[in-house]
Amino acid sequence: MVHYALDTNFMVYFEGVNDLERRTKARRLLDTLDPGEVVIPVQALGELFNVLTRKAKWPAAQARAAVLAWTDTYEVIDTTPDVLMDAIELSTTHQLAIRDAIMLAGAAQAGCRVLLSEDMRHGFTWRRATVRNPFGPDPRTEPEGRCRSELRTP
């Protein structure tokens, strides 16, 4: 059962880049979630590596170790051609940046109900996946219900 997808910014804060308060919030929230309920878009992992090595100036080996720790713990979802086409539709229709649209389209196709991200509009829902700011109101309280990763929404 998959309930949550993680955006890059959530993992960046979790790793301690930029904001100690958000690091604490990210760690507390992730501690409440079952690893089997969480997926990470592969794009988010690439962006995480980039932020850690370029912005945070981590050595590449340390950033690689961080990415591997995420992949060892959580399921990684691919950016498939279907995800890309859905993302282009989202970007065109809702004026989302393509990188954000890929995250949301991937989360929706994986059957997630929540994408934890502070980059997109809190509460925006597309194909049953809702963006929740993990640093705002409790993102676990909405939306109600569960989903299965094997379900694909039209």
Protein backbone atom coordinates (compact mmCIF):
# COMPACT_ATOMS: atom_id res chain seq x y z
CA MET A 1 0.00 0.00 0.00
CA VAL A 2 1.43 3.37 -1.00
CA HIS A 3 0.18 6.56 0.55
CA TYR A 4 2.94 9.14 0.26
CA ALA A 5 5.48 10.36 -2.28
CA LEU A 6 8.40 12.59 -1.30
CA ASP A 7 9.52 15.64 -3.24
CA THR A 8 13.14 16.77 -3.37
CA ASN A 9 12.75 19.61 -0.86
CA PHE A 10 11.48 17.22 1.81
CA MET A 11 14.59 15.05 1.48
CA VAL A 12 16.91 18.08 1.31
CA TYR A 13 15.57 19.36 4.62
CA PHE A 14 15.67 15.85 6.09
CA GLU A 15 19.38 15.74 5.23
CA GLY A 16 19.90 18.95 7.21
CA VAL A 17 20.45 21.42 4.40
CA ASN A 18 19.33 25.03 5.04
CA ASP A 19 16.90 24.83 7.94
CA LEU A 20 17.26 23.02 11.27
CA GLU A 21 13.57 23.47 12.17
CA ARG A 22 12.45 21.90 8.89
CA ARG A 23 14.96 19.10 9.33
CA THR A 24 13.40 18.28 12.68
CA LYS A 25 9.86 18.41 11.21
CA ALA A 26 10.84 16.23 8.24
CA ARG A 27 12.46 13.64 10.48
CA ARG A 28 9.53 13.55 12.89
CA LEU A 29 7.02 13.16 10.07
CA LEU A 30 8.98 10.43 8.31
CA ASP A 31 9.33 8.57 11.63
CA THR A 32 5.52 8.32 11.77
CA LEU A 33 5.25 6.71 8.32
CA ASP A 34 5.71 3.06 7.47
CA PRO A 35 8.48 2.76 4.83
CA GLY A 36 6.11 0.56 2.80
CA GLU A 37 3.75 3.54 2.52
CA VAL A 38 6.35 5.84 0.93
CA VAL A 39 7.74 6.15 -2.59
CA ILE A 40 10.31 8.48 -4.07
CA PRO A 41 10.29 9.62 -7.70
CA VAL A 42 13.66 8.87 -9.31
CA GLN A 43 13.81 12.50 -10.42
CA ALA A 44 13.70 13.61 -6.78
CA LEU A 45 16.77 11.49 -6.06
CA GLY A 46 18.67 13.05 -8.94
CA GLU A 47 17.70 16.51 -7.76
CA LEU A 48 18.72 15.60 -4.20
CA PHE A 49 22.19 14.56 -5.39
CA ASN A 50 22.47 17.81 -7.32
CA VAL A 51 21.45 19.99 -4.34
CA LEU A 52 23.75 18.14 -1.96
CA THR A 53 26.79 18.40 -4.22
CA ARG A 54 26.25 21.86 -5.70
CA LYS A 55 24.35 23.93 -3.16
CA ALA A 56 25.34 22.21 0.07
CA LYS A 57 28.87 21.46 -1.23
CA TRP A 58 28.84 17.88 0.03
CA PRO A 59 31.50 15.58 -1.41
CA ALA A 60 29.99 13.45 -4.19
CA ALA A 61 30.64 10.24 -2.24
CA GLN A 62 28.71 11.58 0.77
CA ALA A 63 25.81 12.67 -1.47
CA ARG A 64 25.82 9.26 -3.17
CA ALA A 65 25.64 7.59 0.25
CA ALA A 66 22.64 9.73 1.16
CA VAL A 67 20.84 8.83 -2.08
CA LEU A 68 21.63 5.14 -1.55
CA ALA A 69 20.22 5.32 1.98
CA TRP A 70 16.93 6.63 0.55
CA THR A 71 16.83 3.92 -2.14
CA ASP A 72 17.60 1.20 0.42
CA THR A 73 14.66 2.30 2.56
CA TYR A 74 11.93 3.34 0.10
CA GLU A 75 10.53 2.22 -3.22
CA VAL A 76 11.73 4.34 -6.14
CA ILE A 77 9.30 5.14 -8.95
CA ASP A 78 10.48 5.71 -12.49
CA THR A 79 9.80 8.55 -14.86
CA THR A 80 8.15 6.47 -17.55
CA PRO A 81 6.93 7.80 -20.91
CA ASP A 82 3.38 7.78 -19.45
CA VAL A 83 4.53 9.83 -16.46
CA LEU A 84 6.24 12.29 -18.79
CA MET A 85 3.15 12.69 -21.00
CA ASP A 86 0.95 13.21 -17.93
CA ALA A 87 3.46 15.74 -16.61
CA ILE A 88 3.40 17.65 -19.88
CA GLU A 89 -0.41 17.72 -19.65
CA LEU A 90 -0.20 18.97 -16.05
CA SER A 91 2.35 21.59 -16.99
CA THR A 92 0.28 22.77 -19.93
CA THR A 93 -3.10 22.75 -18.18
CA HIS A 94 -2.11 23.89 -14.69
CA GLN A 95 1.06 25.87 -15.40
CA LEU A 96 3.25 23.67 -13.20
CA ALA A 97 6.99 23.60 -13.76
CA ILE A 98 7.80 20.38 -15.59
CA ARG A 99 9.97 19.09 -12.73
CA ASP A 100 7.06 19.54 -10.30
CA ALA A 101 4.59 18.05 -12.77
CA ILE A 102 6.79 14.94 -13.13
CA MET A 103 6.75 14.48 -9.34
CA LEU A 104 2.96 14.78 -9.13
CA ALA A 105 2.29 12.63 -12.22
CA GLY A 106 4.61 9.92 -10.90
CA ALA A 107 2.96 10.00 -7.49
CA ALA A 108 -0.50 9.73 -9.06
CA GLN A 109 0.52 6.84 -11.29
CA ALA A 110 2.03 5.02 -8.30
CA GLY A 111 -1.33 5.29 -6.54
CA CYS A 112 -0.23 7.80 -3.92
CA ARG A 113 -2.78 9.98 -2.22
CA VAL A 114 -0.27 12.53 -0.92
CA LEU A 115 2.80 14.21 -2.41
CA LEU A 116 4.80 15.88 0.37
CA SER A 117 6.15 19.08 -1.17
CA GLU A 118 6.44 22.71 -0.26
CA ASP A 119 7.10 23.71 -3.89
CA MET A 120 3.56 23.28 -5.18
CA ARG A 121 0.21 24.69 -4.11
CA HIS A 122 -0.87 23.03 -0.86
CA GLY A 123 -4.13 21.15 -1.41
CA PHE A 124 -3.84 20.92 -5.21
CA THR A 125 -5.26 17.54 -6.24
CA TRP A 126 -4.73 15.74 -9.52
CA ARG A 127 -5.93 12.19 -10.15
CA ARG A 128 -6.45 11.54 -6.45
CA ALA A 129 -2.93 12.68 -5.50
CA THR A 130 -2.95 15.78 -3.31
CA VAL A 131 -0.01 18.08 -2.64
CA ARG A 132 0.56 18.60 1.08
CA ASN A 133 3.11 20.99 2.52
CA PRO A 134 4.95 18.88 5.10
CA PHE A 135 5.90 22.02 6.99
CA GLY A 136 2.36 23.40 7.20
CA PRO A 137 -0.79 21.73 8.57
CA ASP A 138 -0.47 18.03 9.39
CA PRO A 139 -0.13 16.42 5.94
CA ARG A 140 -1.26 13.07 7.30
CA THR A 141 -4.78 14.24 8.08
CA GLU A 142 -5.95 14.76 4.50
CA PRO A 143 -7.02 13.31 2.22
CA GLU A 144 -8.87 10.51 3.93
CA GLY A 145 -8.60 7.00 2.62
CA ARG A 146 -5.86 4.76 1.40
CA CYS A 147 -4.69 3.67 -1.99
CA ARG A 148 -2.83 0.74 -3.48
CA SER A 149 0.30 1.12 -5.56
CA GLU A 150 -1.04 -1.29 -8.14
CA LEU A 151 -4.01 0.95 -8.87
CA ARG A 152 -3.69 3.31 -11.78
CA THR A 153 -6.10 6.19 -11.98
CA PRO A 154 -7.36 7.30 -15.38
